[in-house]
mmCIF file of all heavy atoms, coordinates in Angstrom:
data_MODEL
# 
_entry.id   MODEL 
# 
loop_
_atom_site.group_PDB 
_atom_site.id 
_atom_site.type_symbol 
_atom_site.label_atom_id 
_atom_site.label_alt_id 
_atom_site.label_comp_id 
_atom_site.label_asym_id 
_atom_site.label_entity_id 
_atom_site.label_seq_id 
_atom_site.pdbx_PDB_ins_code 
_atom_site.Cartn_x 
_atom_site.Cartn_y 
_atom_site.Cartn_z 
_atom_site.occupancy 
_atom_site.B_iso_or_equiv 
_atom_site.pdbx_formal_charge 
_atom_site.auth_seq_id 
_atom_site.auth_comp_id 
_atom_site.auth_asym_id 
_atom_site.auth_atom_id 
_atom_site.pdbx_PDB_model_num 
ATOM 1   N N   . ILE A 1 1  ? 0.875  -1.176 0.000  1.00 0.00 ? 1  ILE A N   1 
ATOM 2   C CA  . ILE A 1 1  ? 0.000  0.000  0.000  1.00 0.00 ? 1  ILE A CA  1 
ATOM 3   C C   . ILE A 1 1  ? 0.907  1.219  0.000  1.00 0.00 ? 1  ILE A C   1 
ATOM 4   O O   . ILE A 1 1  ? 1.634  1.474  0.969  1.00 0.00 ? 1  ILE A O   1 
ATOM 5   C CB  . ILE A 1 1  ? -0.946 -0.005 1.215  1.00 0.00 ? 1  ILE A CB  1 
ATOM 6   C CG1 . ILE A 1 1  ? -1.872 -1.214 1.148  1.00 0.00 ? 1  ILE A CG1 1 
ATOM 7   C CG2 . ILE A 1 1  ? -1.731 1.294  1.279  1.00 0.00 ? 1  ILE A CG2 1 
ATOM 8   C CD1 . ILE A 1 1  ? -2.813 -1.328 2.323  1.00 0.00 ? 1  ILE A CD1 1 
ATOM 9   N N   . CYS A 1 2  ? 0.890  1.966  -1.100 1.00 0.00 ? 2  CYS A N   1 
ATOM 10  C CA  . CYS A 1 2  ? 1.790  3.114  -1.276 1.00 0.00 ? 2  CYS A CA  1 
ATOM 11  C C   . CYS A 1 2  ? 0.983  4.392  -1.445 1.00 0.00 ? 2  CYS A C   1 
ATOM 12  O O   . CYS A 1 2  ? -0.141 4.378  -1.964 1.00 0.00 ? 2  CYS A O   1 
ATOM 13  C CB  . CYS A 1 2  ? 2.682  2.902  -2.505 1.00 0.00 ? 2  CYS A CB  1 
ATOM 14  S SG  . CYS A 1 2  ? 3.603  1.352  -2.501 1.00 0.00 ? 2  CYS A SG  1 
ATOM 15  N N   . ASP A 1 3  ? 1.564  5.506  -1.017 1.00 0.00 ? 3  ASP A N   1 
ATOM 16  C CA  . ASP A 1 3  ? 0.925  6.806  -1.212 1.00 0.00 ? 3  ASP A CA  1 
ATOM 17  C C   . ASP A 1 3  ? 1.999  7.861  -1.461 1.00 0.00 ? 3  ASP A C   1 
ATOM 18  O O   . ASP A 1 3  ? 3.184  7.646  -1.181 1.00 0.00 ? 3  ASP A O   1 
ATOM 19  C CB  . ASP A 1 3  ? 0.046  7.178  -0.009 1.00 0.00 ? 3  ASP A CB  1 
ATOM 20  C CG  . ASP A 1 3  ? 0.841  7.406  1.259  1.00 0.00 ? 3  ASP A CG  1 
ATOM 21  O OD1 . ASP A 1 3  ? 1.564  8.418  1.342  1.00 0.00 ? 3  ASP A OD1 1 
ATOM 22  O OD2 . ASP A 1 3  ? 0.765  6.554  2.181  1.00 0.00 ? 3  ASP A OD2 1 
ATOM 23  N N   . ASN A 1 4  ? 1.563  8.999  -1.995 1.00 0.00 ? 4  ASN A N   1 
ATOM 24  C CA  . ASN A 1 4  ? 2.490  10.093 -2.269 1.00 0.00 ? 4  ASN A CA  1 
ATOM 25  C C   . ASN A 1 4  ? 2.333  11.219 -1.246 1.00 0.00 ? 4  ASN A C   1 
ATOM 26  O O   . ASN A 1 4  ? 2.447  12.399 -1.583 1.00 0.00 ? 4  ASN A O   1 
ATOM 27  C CB  . ASN A 1 4  ? 2.305  10.619 -3.687 1.00 0.00 ? 4  ASN A CB  1 
ATOM 28  C CG  . ASN A 1 4  ? 0.909  11.205 -3.913 1.00 0.00 ? 4  ASN A CG  1 
ATOM 29  O OD1 . ASN A 1 4  ? -0.006 10.944 -3.135 1.00 0.00 ? 4  ASN A OD1 1 
ATOM 30  N ND2 . ASN A 1 4  ? 0.737  11.990 -4.969 1.00 0.00 ? 4  ASN A ND2 1 
ATOM 31  N N   . GLY A 1 5  ? 2.069  10.828 -0.012 1.00 0.00 ? 5  GLY A N   1 
ATOM 32  C CA  . GLY A 1 5  ? 1.940  11.804 1.070  1.00 0.00 ? 5  GLY A CA  1 
ATOM 33  C C   . GLY A 1 5  ? 3.282  12.318 1.537  1.00 0.00 ? 5  GLY A C   1 
ATOM 34  O O   . GLY A 1 5  ? 4.302  12.186 0.842  1.00 0.00 ? 5  GLY A O   1 
ATOM 35  N N   . PRO A 1 6  ? 3.345  12.879 2.744  1.00 0.00 ? 6  PRO A N   1 
ATOM 36  C CA  . PRO A 1 6  ? 4.601  13.477 3.230  1.00 0.00 ? 6  PRO A CA  1 
ATOM 37  C C   . PRO A 1 6  ? 5.653  12.450 3.619  1.00 0.00 ? 6  PRO A C   1 
ATOM 38  O O   . PRO A 1 6  ? 6.807  12.812 3.837  1.00 0.00 ? 6  PRO A O   1 
ATOM 39  C CB  . PRO A 1 6  ? 4.142  14.285 4.457  1.00 0.00 ? 6  PRO A CB  1 
ATOM 40  C CG  . PRO A 1 6  ? 2.907  13.575 4.929  1.00 0.00 ? 6  PRO A CG  1 
ATOM 41  C CD  . PRO A 1 6  ? 2.224  13.075 3.683  1.00 0.00 ? 6  PRO A CD  1 
ATOM 42  N N   . GLY A 1 7  ? 5.287  11.160 3.716  1.00 0.00 ? 7  GLY A N   1 
ATOM 43  C CA  . GLY A 1 7  ? 6.258  10.141 4.109  1.00 0.00 ? 7  GLY A CA  1 
ATOM 44  C C   . GLY A 1 7  ? 6.417  10.053 5.618  1.00 0.00 ? 7  GLY A C   1 
ATOM 45  O O   . GLY A 1 7  ? 5.790  10.797 6.379  1.00 0.00 ? 7  GLY A O   1 
ATOM 46  N N   . ILE A 1 8  ? 7.252  9.132  6.050  1.00 0.00 ? 8  ILE A N   1 
ATOM 47  C CA  . ILE A 1 8  ? 7.491  8.900  7.475  1.00 0.00 ? 8  ILE A CA  1 
ATOM 48  C C   . ILE A 1 8  ? 8.762  9.619  7.897  1.00 0.00 ? 8  ILE A C   1 
ATOM 49  O O   . ILE A 1 8  ? 9.809  9.441  7.272  1.00 0.00 ? 8  ILE A O   1 
ATOM 50  C CB  . ILE A 1 8  ? 7.638  7.386  7.773  1.00 0.00 ? 8  ILE A CB  1 
ATOM 51  C CG1 . ILE A 1 8  ? 6.413  6.621  7.248  1.00 0.00 ? 8  ILE A CG1 1 
ATOM 52  C CG2 . ILE A 1 8  ? 7.828  7.152  9.261  1.00 0.00 ? 8  ILE A CG2 1 
ATOM 53  C CD1 . ILE A 1 8  ? 5.115  6.989  7.892  1.00 0.00 ? 8  ILE A CD1 1 
ATOM 54  N N   . PRO A 1 9  ? 8.709  10.439 8.944  1.00 0.00 ? 9  PRO A N   1 
ATOM 55  C CA  . PRO A 1 9  ? 9.933  11.101 9.421  1.00 0.00 ? 9  PRO A CA  1 
ATOM 56  C C   . PRO A 1 9  ? 11.004 10.081 9.807  1.00 0.00 ? 9  PRO A C   1 
ATOM 57  O O   . PRO A 1 9  ? 10.693 8.995  10.305 1.00 0.00 ? 9  PRO A O   1 
ATOM 58  C CB  . PRO A 1 9  ? 9.451  11.891 10.649 1.00 0.00 ? 9  PRO A CB  1 
ATOM 59  C CG  . PRO A 1 9  ? 7.977  12.065 10.439 1.00 0.00 ? 9  PRO A CG  1 
ATOM 60  C CD  . PRO A 1 9  ? 7.522  10.847 9.708  1.00 0.00 ? 9  PRO A CD  1 
ATOM 61  N N   . VAL A 1 10 ? 12.245 10.443 9.567  1.00 0.00 ? 10 VAL A N   1 
ATOM 62  C CA  . VAL A 1 10 ? 13.356 9.517  9.818  1.00 0.00 ? 10 VAL A CA  1 
ATOM 63  C C   . VAL A 1 10 ? 13.393 9.086  11.279 1.00 0.00 ? 10 VAL A C   1 
ATOM 64  O O   . VAL A 1 10 ? 13.637 7.913  11.585 1.00 0.00 ? 10 VAL A O   1 
ATOM 65  C CB  . VAL A 1 10 ? 14.689 10.178 9.412  1.00 0.00 ? 10 VAL A CB  1 
ATOM 66  C CG1 . VAL A 1 10 ? 15.859 9.262  9.762  1.00 0.00 ? 10 VAL A CG1 1 
ATOM 67  C CG2 . VAL A 1 10 ? 14.691 10.496 7.930  1.00 0.00 ? 10 VAL A CG2 1 
ATOM 68  N N   . GLU A 1 11 ? 13.126 10.005 12.198 1.00 0.00 ? 11 GLU A N   1 
ATOM 69  C CA  . GLU A 1 11 ? 13.234 9.683  13.619 1.00 0.00 ? 11 GLU A CA  1 
ATOM 70  C C   . GLU A 1 11 ? 12.156 8.700  14.081 1.00 0.00 ? 11 GLU A C   1 
ATOM 71  O O   . GLU A 1 11 ? 12.269 8.113  15.169 1.00 0.00 ? 11 GLU A O   1 
ATOM 72  C CB  . GLU A 1 11 ? 13.173 10.954 14.461 1.00 0.00 ? 11 GLU A CB  1 
ATOM 73  C CG  . GLU A 1 11 ? 11.872 11.743 14.347 1.00 0.00 ? 11 GLU A CG  1 
ATOM 74  C CD  . GLU A 1 11 ? 11.868 12.732 13.190 1.00 0.00 ? 11 GLU A CD  1 
ATOM 75  O OE1 . GLU A 1 11 ? 12.799 12.658 12.358 1.00 0.00 ? 11 GLU A OE1 1 
ATOM 76  O OE2 . GLU A 1 11 ? 10.967 13.571 13.121 1.00 0.00 ? 11 GLU A OE2 1 
ATOM 77  N N   . GLN A 1 12 ? 11.105 8.503  13.284 1.00 0.00 ? 12 GLN A N   1 
ATOM 78  C CA  . GLN A 1 12 ? 10.035 7.578  13.672 1.00 0.00 ? 12 GLN A CA  1 
ATOM 79  C C   . GLN A 1 12 ? 10.194 6.180  13.085 1.00 0.00 ? 12 GLN A C   1 
ATOM 80  O O   . GLN A 1 12 ? 9.514  5.248  13.509 1.00 0.00 ? 12 GLN A O   1 
ATOM 81  C CB  . GLN A 1 12 ? 8.674  8.140  13.238 1.00 0.00 ? 12 GLN A CB  1 
ATOM 82  C CG  . GLN A 1 12 ? 8.220  9.370  14.005 1.00 0.00 ? 12 GLN A CG  1 
ATOM 83  C CD  . GLN A 1 12 ? 6.813  9.791  13.628 1.00 0.00 ? 12 GLN A CD  1 
ATOM 84  O OE1 . GLN A 1 12 ? 6.112  9.080  12.914 1.00 0.00 ? 12 GLN A OE1 1 
ATOM 85  N NE2 . GLN A 1 12 ? 6.391  10.967 14.110 1.00 0.00 ? 12 GLN A NE2 1 
ATOM 86  N N   . LYS A 1 13 ? 11.079 6.010  12.105 1.00 0.00 ? 13 LYS A N   1 
ATOM 87  C CA  . LYS A 1 13 ? 11.150 4.748  11.371 1.00 0.00 ? 13 LYS A CA  1 
ATOM 88  C C   . LYS A 1 13 ? 11.588 3.579  12.246 1.00 0.00 ? 13 LYS A C   1 
ATOM 89  O O   . LYS A 1 13 ? 11.099 2.459  12.081 1.00 0.00 ? 13 LYS A O   1 
ATOM 90  C CB  . LYS A 1 13 ? 12.099 4.889  10.180 1.00 0.00 ? 13 LYS A CB  1 
ATOM 91  C CG  . LYS A 1 13 ? 11.536 5.767  9.074  1.00 0.00 ? 13 LYS A CG  1 
ATOM 92  C CD  . LYS A 1 13 ? 12.459 5.812  7.873  1.00 0.00 ? 13 LYS A CD  1 
ATOM 93  C CE  . LYS A 1 13 ? 11.842 6.659  6.756  1.00 0.00 ? 13 LYS A CE  1 
ATOM 94  N NZ  . LYS A 1 13 ? 12.719 6.714  5.568  1.00 0.00 ? 13 LYS A NZ  1 
ATOM 95  N N   . ALA A 1 14 ? 12.484 3.812  13.189 1.00 0.00 ? 14 ALA A N   1 
ATOM 96  C CA  . ALA A 1 14 ? 13.005 2.705  14.001 1.00 0.00 ? 14 ALA A CA  1 
ATOM 97  C C   . ALA A 1 14 ? 11.909 2.085  14.870 1.00 0.00 ? 14 ALA A C   1 
ATOM 98  O O   . ALA A 1 14 ? 11.874 0.870  15.061 1.00 0.00 ? 14 ALA A O   1 
ATOM 99  C CB  . ALA A 1 14 ? 14.168 3.198  14.868 1.00 0.00 ? 14 ALA A CB  1 
ATOM 100 N N   . ASP A 1 15 ? 11.006 2.903  15.410 1.00 0.00 ? 15 ASP A N   1 
ATOM 101 C CA  . ASP A 1 15 ? 9.967  2.414  16.320 1.00 0.00 ? 15 ASP A CA  1 
ATOM 102 C C   . ASP A 1 15 ? 8.576  2.543  15.706 1.00 0.00 ? 15 ASP A C   1 
ATOM 103 O O   . ASP A 1 15 ? 7.581  2.690  16.421 1.00 0.00 ? 15 ASP A O   1 
ATOM 104 C CB  . ASP A 1 15 ? 10.017 3.199  17.643 1.00 0.00 ? 15 ASP A CB  1 
ATOM 105 C CG  . ASP A 1 15 ? 11.357 3.075  18.330 1.00 0.00 ? 15 ASP A CG  1 
ATOM 106 O OD1 . ASP A 1 15 ? 11.913 1.974  18.314 1.00 0.00 ? 15 ASP A OD1 1 
ATOM 107 O OD2 . ASP A 1 15 ? 11.837 4.083  18.869 1.00 0.00 ? 15 ASP A OD2 1 
ATOM 108 N N   . LEU A 1 16 ? 8.499  2.458  14.381 1.00 0.00 ? 16 LEU A N   1 
ATOM 109 C CA  . LEU A 1 16 ? 7.255  2.774  13.696 1.00 0.00 ? 16 LEU A CA  1 
ATOM 110 C C   . LEU A 1 16 ? 6.107  1.857  14.103 1.00 0.00 ? 16 LEU A C   1 
ATOM 111 O O   . LEU A 1 16 ? 4.957  2.294  14.216 1.00 0.00 ? 16 LEU A O   1 
ATOM 112 C CB  . LEU A 1 16 ? 7.483  2.672  12.180 1.00 0.00 ? 16 LEU A CB  1 
ATOM 113 C CG  . LEU A 1 16 ? 6.340  3.148  11.284 1.00 0.00 ? 16 LEU A CG  1 
ATOM 114 C CD1 . LEU A 1 16 ? 6.027  4.610  11.531 1.00 0.00 ? 16 LEU A CD1 1 
ATOM 115 C CD2 . LEU A 1 16 ? 6.697  2.926  9.817  1.00 0.00 ? 16 LEU A CD2 1 
ATOM 116 N N   . PHE A 1 17 ? 6.402  0.575  14.357 1.00 0.00 ? 17 PHE A N   1 
ATOM 117 C CA  . PHE A 1 17 ? 5.350  -0.396 14.653 1.00 0.00 ? 17 PHE A CA  1 
ATOM 118 C C   . PHE A 1 17 ? 5.168  -0.632 16.154 1.00 0.00 ? 17 PHE A C   1 
ATOM 119 O O   . PHE A 1 17 ? 4.496  -1.575 16.546 1.00 0.00 ? 17 PHE A O   1 
ATOM 120 C CB  . PHE A 1 17 ? 5.659  -1.722 13.946 1.00 0.00 ? 17 PHE A CB  1 
ATOM 121 C CG  . PHE A 1 17 ? 5.611  -1.622 12.447 1.00 0.00 ? 17 PHE A CG  1 
ATOM 122 C CD1 . PHE A 1 17 ? 6.755  -1.424 11.711 1.00 0.00 ? 17 PHE A CD1 1 
ATOM 123 C CD2 . PHE A 1 17 ? 4.394  -1.693 11.781 1.00 0.00 ? 17 PHE A CD2 1 
ATOM 124 C CE1 . PHE A 1 17 ? 6.712  -1.326 10.336 1.00 0.00 ? 17 PHE A CE1 1 
ATOM 125 C CE2 . PHE A 1 17 ? 4.334  -1.600 10.389 1.00 0.00 ? 17 PHE A CE2 1 
ATOM 126 C CZ  . PHE A 1 17 ? 5.504  -1.404 9.673  1.00 0.00 ? 17 PHE A CZ  1 
ATOM 127 N N   . GLN A 1 18 ? 5.778  0.228  16.978 1.00 0.00 ? 18 GLN A N   1 
ATOM 128 C CA  . GLN A 1 18 ? 5.575  0.145  18.419 1.00 0.00 ? 18 GLN A CA  1 
ATOM 129 C C   . GLN A 1 18 ? 4.337  0.955  18.806 1.00 0.00 ? 18 GLN A C   1 
ATOM 130 O O   . GLN A 1 18 ? 4.010  1.966  18.169 1.00 0.00 ? 18 GLN A O   1 
ATOM 131 C CB  . GLN A 1 18 ? 6.804  0.684  19.164 1.00 0.00 ? 18 GLN A CB  1 
ATOM 132 C CG  . GLN A 1 18 ? 8.086  -0.092 18.898 1.00 0.00 ? 18 GLN A CG  1 
ATOM 133 C CD  . GLN A 1 18 ? 8.027  -1.494 19.441 1.00 0.00 ? 18 GLN A CD  1 
ATOM 134 O OE1 . GLN A 1 18 ? 7.416  -1.746 20.472 1.00 0.00 ? 18 GLN A OE1 1 
ATOM 135 N NE2 . GLN A 1 18 ? 8.661  -2.424 18.743 1.00 0.00 ? 18 GLN A NE2 1 
ATOM 136 N N   . ALA A 1 19 ? 3.666  0.516  19.872 1.00 0.00 ? 19 ALA A N   1 
ATOM 137 C CA  . ALA A 1 19 ? 2.451  1.214  20.312 1.00 0.00 ? 19 ALA A CA  1 
ATOM 138 C C   . ALA A 1 19 ? 2.768  2.625  20.784 1.00 0.00 ? 19 ALA A C   1 
ATOM 139 O O   . ALA A 1 19 ? 3.751  2.846  21.507 1.00 0.00 ? 19 ALA A O   1 
ATOM 140 C CB  . ALA A 1 19 ? 1.784  0.423  21.442 1.00 0.00 ? 19 ALA A CB  1 
ATOM 141 N N   . PHE A 1 20 ? 1.962  3.574  20.349 1.00 0.00 ? 20 PHE A N   1 
ATOM 142 C CA  . PHE A 1 20 ? 2.020  4.983  20.762 1.00 0.00 ? 20 PHE A CA  1 
ATOM 143 C C   . PHE A 1 20 ? 3.315  5.678  20.346 1.00 0.00 ? 20 PHE A C   1 
ATOM 144 O O   . PHE A 1 20 ? 3.642  6.754  20.837 1.00 0.00 ? 20 PHE A O   1 
ATOM 145 C CB  . PHE A 1 20 ? 1.842  5.131  22.288 1.00 0.00 ? 20 PHE A CB  1 
ATOM 146 C CG  . PHE A 1 20 ? 0.589  4.503  22.811 1.00 0.00 ? 20 PHE A CG  1 
ATOM 147 C CD1 . PHE A 1 20 ? 0.662  3.385  23.634 1.00 0.00 ? 20 PHE A CD1 1 
ATOM 148 C CD2 . PHE A 1 20 ? -0.662 4.995  22.465 1.00 0.00 ? 20 PHE A CD2 1 
ATOM 149 C CE1 . PHE A 1 20 ? -0.482 2.786  24.122 1.00 0.00 ? 20 PHE A CE1 1 
ATOM 150 C CE2 . PHE A 1 20 ? -1.825 4.401  22.947 1.00 0.00 ? 20 PHE A CE2 1 
ATOM 151 C CZ  . PHE A 1 20 ? -1.744 3.287  23.778 1.00 0.00 ? 20 PHE A CZ  1 
ATOM 152 N N   . LYS A 1 21 ? 4.090  5.080  19.421 1.00 0.00 ? 21 LYS A N   1 
ATOM 153 C CA  . LYS A 1 21 ? 5.337  5.701  18.976 1.00 0.00 ? 21 LYS A CA  1 
ATOM 154 C C   . LYS A 1 21 ? 5.094  6.661  17.816 1.00 0.00 ? 21 LYS A C   1 
ATOM 155 O O   . LYS A 1 21 ? 5.846  7.596  17.610 1.00 0.00 ? 21 LYS A O   1 
ATOM 156 C CB  . LYS A 1 21 ? 6.345  4.630  18.546 1.00 0.00 ? 21 LYS A CB  1 
ATOM 157 C CG  . LYS A 1 21 ? 6.856  3.773  19.689 1.00 0.00 ? 21 LYS A CG  1 
ATOM 158 C CD  . LYS A 1 21 ? 7.684  4.595  20.660 1.00 0.00 ? 21 LYS A CD  1 
ATOM 159 C CE  . LYS A 1 21 ? 8.266  3.718  21.757 1.00 0.00 ? 21 LYS A CE  1 
ATOM 160 N NZ  . LYS A 1 21 ? 9.103  4.499  22.688 1.00 0.00 ? 21 LYS A NZ  1 
ATOM 161 N N   . SER A 1 22 ? 4.091  6.396  16.994 1.00 0.00 ? 22 SER A N   1 
ATOM 162 C CA  . SER A 1 22 ? 3.768  7.287  15.879 1.00 0.00 ? 22 SER A CA  1 
ATOM 163 C C   . SER A 1 22 ? 2.275  7.549  15.907 1.00 0.00 ? 22 SER A C   1 
ATOM 164 O O   . SER A 1 22 ? 1.490  6.699  16.306 1.00 0.00 ? 22 SER A O   1 
ATOM 165 C CB  . SER A 1 22 ? 4.169  6.652  14.543 1.00 0.00 ? 22 SER A CB  1 
ATOM 166 O OG  . SER A 1 22 ? 3.457  5.452  14.335 1.00 0.00 ? 22 SER A OG  1 
ATOM 167 N N   . ARG A 1 23 ? 1.891  8.722  15.480 1.00 0.00 ? 23 ARG A N   1 
ATOM 168 C CA  . ARG A 1 23 ? 0.460  9.074  15.556 1.00 0.00 ? 23 ARG A CA  1 
ATOM 169 C C   . ARG A 1 23 ? 0.112  9.972  14.365 1.00 0.00 ? 23 ARG A C   1 
ATOM 170 O O   . ARG A 1 23 ? 0.700  11.032 14.177 1.00 0.00 ? 23 ARG A O   1 
ATOM 171 C CB  . ARG A 1 23 ? 0.189  9.820  16.870 1.00 0.00 ? 23 ARG A CB  1 
ATOM 172 C CG  . ARG A 1 23 ? -1.301 10.044 17.132 1.00 0.00 ? 23 ARG A CG  1 
ATOM 173 C CD  . ARG A 1 23 ? -1.465 10.926 18.348 1.00 0.00 ? 23 ARG A CD  1 
ATOM 174 N NE  . ARG A 1 23 ? -0.926 10.317 19.550 1.00 0.00 ? 23 ARG A NE  1 
ATOM 175 C CZ  . ARG A 1 23 ? -1.616 9.533  20.375 1.00 0.00 ? 23 ARG A CZ  1 
ATOM 176 N NH1 . ARG A 1 23 ? -2.864 9.257  20.097 1.00 0.00 ? 23 ARG A NH1 1 
ATOM 177 N NH2 . ARG A 1 23 ? -1.050 9.038  21.454 1.00 0.00 ? 23 ARG A NH2 1 
ATOM 178 N N   . ARG A 1 24 ? -0.837 9.492  13.552 1.00 0.00 ? 24 ARG A N   1 
ATOM 179 C CA  . ARG A 1 24 ? -1.340 10.328 12.456 1.00 0.00 ? 24 ARG A CA  1 
ATOM 180 C C   . ARG A 1 24 ? -2.383 11.287 13.012 1.00 0.00 ? 24 ARG A C   1 
ATOM 181 O O   . ARG A 1 24 ? -2.896 11.085 14.134 1.00 0.00 ? 24 ARG A O   1 
ATOM 182 C CB  . ARG A 1 24 ? -1.939 9.449  11.373 1.00 0.00 ? 24 ARG A CB  1 
ATOM 183 C CG  . ARG A 1 24 ? -3.178 8.665  11.819 1.00 0.00 ? 24 ARG A CG  1 
ATOM 184 C CD  . ARG A 1 24 ? -3.816 7.972  10.637 1.00 0.00 ? 24 ARG A CD  1 
ATOM 185 N NE  . ARG A 1 24 ? -4.871 7.047  11.024 1.00 0.00 ? 24 ARG A NE  1 
ATOM 186 C CZ  . ARG A 1 24 ? -6.118 7.394  11.307 1.00 0.00 ? 24 ARG A CZ  1 
ATOM 187 N NH1 . ARG A 1 24 ? -6.457 8.677  11.300 1.00 0.00 ? 24 ARG A NH1 1 
ATOM 188 N NH2 . ARG A 1 24 ? -7.022 6.488  11.631 1.00 0.00 ? 24 ARG A NH2 1 
# 
């Protein structure tokens, strides 16, 4: 599933799938 949005910030990529680590 791909999109042309703003993307994921670099600082969030390491813990992206952890609970409460990233929030849209």
